[in-house]
Amino acid sequence: MSKSDFQNEQDIFTTHIRSAQHHTIEGIEDRRLNIYRELFYNNIESFVSGTFPILKECISHDEWHQMVRSFFIQHKCKSPYFLEISEEFLHFLQADTENTLSLPVYAYSLAHWEWMELFADTYVEGQHNERLVINLDVDIVTTVECSWLQAYEYAVHKIKPGDEVFKVPAFLLVYRDATQKVGFVELNSLSYLLFEAVQNNTELTIQGIVQEIATVHNMPLDQLLLGAYETISNWIDLQLIKKI
């Protein structure tokens, strides 16, 4: 099925809006077209900068706008929703495997971390968190729906503009609590494994979960169990643990 004349005109117009330098339009005053060019670009840039403010501050003004402009011109978004523009931008950064954008090596990790706040804030959960009385000795537990583990090669939660960034692993737990407030907890490698095990749990008590971790990693059970109870008690206080 061939495109209608109107669809062809739309394609010509949108192609020009993305890249006026390479796709001109005859018969329309450029001053009028520029209004649309600025409006479309500024809307996209506003959504992106609103989600990635730290990344924006970590690079120069020209680098930032060159990057957003490249996204605006080159990336074919799969979602029509404005709320998902930031996720599309994240996919755009991830696809730049050869770093043609000349960004800092930590740029994608930092962007993903910043995007996680939006993701957690807008996530539609099936069941709200509830404060429960949990007996860690006998109850079979798992984690609430609004909790997400993230592991990064850089300490993305500590990156500030102007600071030198070193390759130091970061284990982070992002959550949204019963009041709909988004927060995060910094974990170590062991507490990361523990939360992951609880998150995937369907039939074990905490002692059973820790027993499996101790066996797999050849660690003393008693010492590991004591620390696990304390750590999970803190997660219960944050309403991140629920009964199965």
Protein backbone atom coordinates (compact mmCIF):
# COMPACT_ATOMS: atom_id res chain seq x y z
CA MET A 1 0.00 0.00 0.00
CA SER A 2 1.48 3.29 -1.09
CA LYS A 3 1.65 6.26 1.21
CA SER A 4 -0.83 9.09 0.81
CA ASP A 5 0.34 12.53 -0.24
CA PHE A 6 -0.32 13.70 3.32
CA GLN A 7 1.87 10.94 4.80
CA ASN A 8 4.63 11.86 2.37
CA GLU A 9 4.40 15.48 3.46
CA GLN A 10 4.58 14.36 7.09
CA ASP A 11 7.73 12.34 6.38
CA ILE A 12 9.35 15.29 4.63
CA PHE A 13 8.44 17.62 7.48
CA THR A 14 9.61 15.35 10.32
CA THR A 15 12.84 14.51 8.49
CA HIS A 16 13.54 18.22 8.12
CA ILE A 17 12.73 18.88 11.80
CA ARG A 18 15.30 16.26 12.82
CA SER A 19 18.06 17.38 10.48
CA ALA A 20 17.37 20.62 8.64
CA GLN A 21 20.93 20.86 7.38
CA HIS A 22 20.58 17.71 5.28
CA HIS A 23 16.87 17.84 4.47
CA THR A 24 15.54 21.16 3.22
CA ILE A 25 11.92 22.10 2.52
CA GLU A 26 11.03 24.38 -0.37
CA GLY A 27 8.18 26.86 -0.29
CA ILE A 28 8.02 27.47 3.46
CA GLU A 29 9.70 30.39 5.17
CA ASP A 30 12.63 29.13 7.24
CA ARG A 31 11.70 31.43 10.13
CA ARG A 32 8.42 29.52 10.49
CA LEU A 33 10.11 26.14 10.24
CA ASN A 34 12.64 27.16 12.87
CA ILE A 35 9.83 27.57 15.38
CA TYR A 36 9.00 23.88 14.99
CA ARG A 37 12.67 22.83 14.96
CA GLU A 38 13.31 24.55 18.27
CA LEU A 39 10.03 23.39 19.82
CA PHE A 40 10.60 19.71 19.02
CA TYR A 41 14.25 19.69 20.03
CA ASN A 42 13.69 21.66 23.23
CA ASN A 43 10.93 19.28 24.30
CA ILE A 44 13.19 16.25 23.82
CA GLU A 45 16.14 17.94 25.52
CA SER A 46 13.94 18.91 28.46
CA PHE A 47 12.81 15.33 29.05
CA VAL A 48 16.36 14.00 28.77
CA SER A 49 17.98 16.62 31.00
CA GLY A 50 15.23 16.17 33.58
CA THR A 51 16.10 12.50 33.96
CA PHE A 52 19.89 12.75 33.64
CA PRO A 53 20.88 15.99 35.42
CA ILE A 54 24.18 14.67 36.81
CA LEU A 55 25.31 13.29 33.47
CA LYS A 56 24.49 16.67 31.94
CA GLU A 57 26.71 18.42 34.49
CA CYS A 58 29.57 15.95 33.97
CA ILE A 59 30.09 16.96 30.34
CA SER A 60 30.37 20.31 28.59
CA HIS A 61 27.42 22.29 27.26
CA ASP A 62 28.43 21.59 23.65
CA GLU A 63 28.99 17.88 24.28
CA TRP A 64 25.60 17.58 25.92
CA HIS A 65 23.68 19.21 23.10
CA GLN A 66 25.69 17.34 20.45
CA MET A 67 24.72 14.08 22.17
CA VAL A 68 21.02 14.97 22.51
CA ARG A 69 20.98 16.24 18.93
CA SER A 70 22.45 12.93 17.74
CA PHE A 71 19.74 11.09 19.69
CA PHE A 72 17.08 13.35 18.17
CA ILE A 73 18.34 12.74 14.62
CA GLN A 74 19.51 9.14 14.66
CA HIS A 75 17.54 7.13 17.20
CA LYS A 76 14.32 5.44 16.11
CA CYS A 77 12.16 5.37 19.21
CA LYS A 78 9.99 2.29 19.64
CA SER A 79 7.62 3.95 22.10
CA PRO A 80 5.34 6.93 21.38
CA TYR A 81 5.02 7.88 25.05
CA PHE A 82 6.83 10.98 26.32
CA LEU A 83 7.42 9.29 29.67
CA GLU A 84 9.53 6.66 27.92
CA ILE A 85 11.80 9.08 26.06
CA SER A 86 14.38 8.71 28.84
CA GLU A 87 14.44 4.93 28.41
CA GLU A 88 14.87 5.36 24.66
CA PHE A 89 17.79 7.69 25.35
CA LEU A 90 19.30 5.02 27.58
CA HIS A 91 19.04 2.51 24.71
CA PHE A 92 20.73 5.09 22.48
CA LEU A 93 23.69 5.37 24.85
CA GLN A 94 23.92 1.60 25.21
CA ALA A 95 24.10 1.18 21.44
CA ASP A 96 27.12 3.51 21.25
CA THR A 97 29.55 0.63 21.85
CA GLU A 98 32.40 2.38 20.02
CA ASN A 99 31.90 5.60 22.02
CA THR A 100 31.38 7.74 18.95
CA LEU A 101 29.79 10.30 21.29
CA SER A 102 33.10 10.71 23.14
CA LEU A 103 31.51 10.38 26.57
CA PRO A 104 33.19 9.50 29.87
CA VAL A 105 33.61 5.74 30.30
CA TYR A 106 31.12 5.75 33.16
CA ALA A 107 28.42 7.63 31.22
CA TYR A 108 26.07 4.72 30.53
CA SER A 109 26.33 3.38 34.08
CA LEU A 110 25.58 6.83 35.51
CA ALA A 111 22.69 7.32 33.09
CA HIS A 112 21.21 3.95 34.00
CA TRP A 113 21.43 4.81 37.69
CA GLU A 114 19.69 8.14 37.15
CA TRP A 115 17.01 6.47 35.03
CA MET A 116 16.35 3.93 37.79
CA GLU A 117 14.82 6.69 39.92
CA LEU A 118 12.26 7.44 37.20
CA PHE A 119 11.64 3.73 36.64
CA ALA A 120 11.03 3.09 40.34
CA ASP A 121 8.88 6.18 40.72
CA THR A 122 6.56 5.27 37.82
CA TYR A 123 6.55 1.47 38.20
CA VAL A 124 3.03 0.07 38.41
CA GLU A 125 3.02 -2.58 41.11
CA GLY A 126 0.49 -5.36 41.52
CA GLN A 127 0.48 -5.30 45.31
CA HIS A 128 1.32 -2.49 47.71
CA ASN A 129 3.82 -2.93 50.52
CA GLU A 130 2.35 -3.78 53.91
CA ARG A 131 3.98 -3.68 57.31
CA LEU A 132 3.94 -7.27 58.59
CA VAL A 133 5.11 -9.05 61.69
CA ILE A 134 7.69 -11.53 60.41
CA ASN A 135 9.29 -14.35 62.36
CA LEU A 136 12.62 -14.97 60.65
CA ASP A 137 13.00 -18.36 62.32
CA VAL A 138 9.90 -19.93 60.78
CA ASP A 139 8.41 -17.69 58.09
CA ILE A 140 9.16 -18.23 54.41
CA VAL A 141 9.87 -14.82 52.98
CA THR A 142 10.75 -13.03 49.78
CA THR A 143 11.14 -9.40 48.69
CA VAL A 144 8.43 -6.91 47.79
CA GLU A 145 7.72 -6.13 44.17
CA CYS A 146 9.08 -2.58 44.26
CA SER A 147 12.72 -3.47 44.91
CA TRP A 148 15.48 -3.79 42.36
CA LEU A 149 19.11 -4.88 42.65
CA GLN A 150 21.68 -3.07 40.55
CA ALA A 151 25.40 -3.74 40.17
CA TYR A 152 27.67 -1.18 38.50
CA GLU A 153 31.36 -1.01 37.64
CA TYR A 154 31.48 2.51 39.08
CA ALA A 155 30.18 4.07 42.29
CA VAL A 156 27.47 5.85 40.31
CA HIS A 157 25.62 7.05 43.41
CA LYS A 158 28.67 9.08 44.44
CA ILE A 159 29.63 10.65 41.11
CA LYS A 160 29.74 14.44 41.16
CA PRO A 161 30.64 16.88 38.38
CA GLY A 162 34.35 17.64 38.39
CA ASP A 163 35.35 14.60 40.43
CA GLU A 164 37.71 11.98 39.07
CA VAL A 165 35.84 8.70 38.72
CA PHE A 166 37.55 5.39 39.39
CA LYS A 167 36.41 1.91 38.46
CA VAL A 168 35.06 0.70 41.81
CA PRO A 169 32.15 -1.80 41.87
CA ALA A 170 28.91 -0.61 43.47
CA PHE A 171 26.08 -2.84 44.65
CA LEU A 172 22.84 -0.90 45.10
CA LEU A 173 19.28 -1.71 46.08
CA VAL A 174 16.63 0.64 44.74
CA TYR A 175 13.15 0.56 46.25
CA ARG A 176 9.87 2.40 46.52
CA ASP A 177 8.29 2.26 49.95
CA ALA A 178 4.66 2.24 51.11
CA THR A 179 4.55 6.04 51.01
CA GLN A 180 5.62 5.90 47.32
CA LYS A 181 8.99 7.44 48.14
CA VAL A 182 11.96 6.16 46.14
CA GLY A 183 15.16 5.37 48.02
CA PHE A 184 18.24 3.20 47.80
CA VAL A 185 20.56 1.20 50.02
CA GLU A 186 24.26 0.62 49.36
CA LEU A 187 25.10 -3.07 49.71
CA ASN A 188 28.30 -5.08 49.82
CA SER A 189 28.81 -8.16 47.68
CA LEU A 190 27.52 -10.47 50.42
CA SER A 191 24.34 -8.54 51.21
CA TYR A 192 23.75 -8.30 47.45
CA LEU A 193 23.87 -12.11 47.25
CA LEU A 194 21.57 -12.37 50.25
CA PHE A 195 18.94 -10.02 48.85
CA GLU A 196 19.10 -11.79 45.49
CA ALA A 197 18.59 -15.16 47.21
CA VAL A 198 15.63 -13.85 49.20
CA GLN A 199 14.20 -12.25 46.07
CA ASN A 200 14.26 -15.60 44.27
CA ASN A 201 13.10 -17.60 47.27
CA THR A 202 9.91 -19.66 47.16
CA GLU A 203 10.22 -22.30 49.88
CA LEU A 204 13.07 -21.72 52.35
CA THR A 205 13.32 -19.97 55.69
CA ILE A 206 16.12 -17.47 56.20
CA GLN A 207 18.26 -20.16 57.76
CA GLY A 208 17.76 -22.34 54.71
CA ILE A 209 18.68 -19.49 52.38
CA VAL A 210 21.83 -18.66 54.34
CA GLN A 211 22.76 -22.33 54.52
CA GLU A 212 22.77 -22.49 50.71
CA ILE A 213 24.90 -19.33 50.45
CA ALA A 214 27.36 -20.67 53.05
CA THR A 215 27.67 -23.98 51.23
CA VAL A 216 28.15 -22.47 47.79
CA HIS A 217 30.71 -19.90 48.96
CA ASN A 218 32.40 -22.08 51.60
CA MET A 219 31.67 -19.70 54.47
CA PRO A 220 30.98 -20.37 58.19
CA LEU A 221 27.22 -20.69 58.70
CA ASP A 222 27.00 -19.30 62.26
CA GLN A 223 28.81 -16.07 61.44
CA LEU A 224 26.93 -15.63 58.20
CA LEU A 225 23.56 -16.31 59.81
CA LEU A 226 24.10 -13.71 62.53
CA GLY A 227 24.87 -10.99 59.98
CA ALA A 228 22.02 -12.10 57.74
CA TYR A 229 19.43 -11.76 60.51
CA GLU A 230 20.60 -8.23 61.28
CA THR A 231 20.63 -7.21 57.64
CA ILE A 232 17.21 -8.66 56.87
CA SER A 233 15.77 -7.01 59.99
CA ASN A 234 16.86 -3.69 58.51
CA TRP A 235 15.14 -4.59 55.25
CA ILE A 236 11.98 -5.47 57.17
CA ASP A 237 12.05 -2.00 58.73
CA LEU A 238 12.18 -0.58 55.21
CA GLN A 239 9.22 -2.84 54.28
CA LEU A 240 11.23 -4.64 51.63
CA ILE A 241 10.48 -8.16 52.91
CA LYS A 242 7.17 -10.00 52.86
CA LYS A 243 5.84 -13.43 53.70
CA ILE A 244 5.11 -15.93 50.97
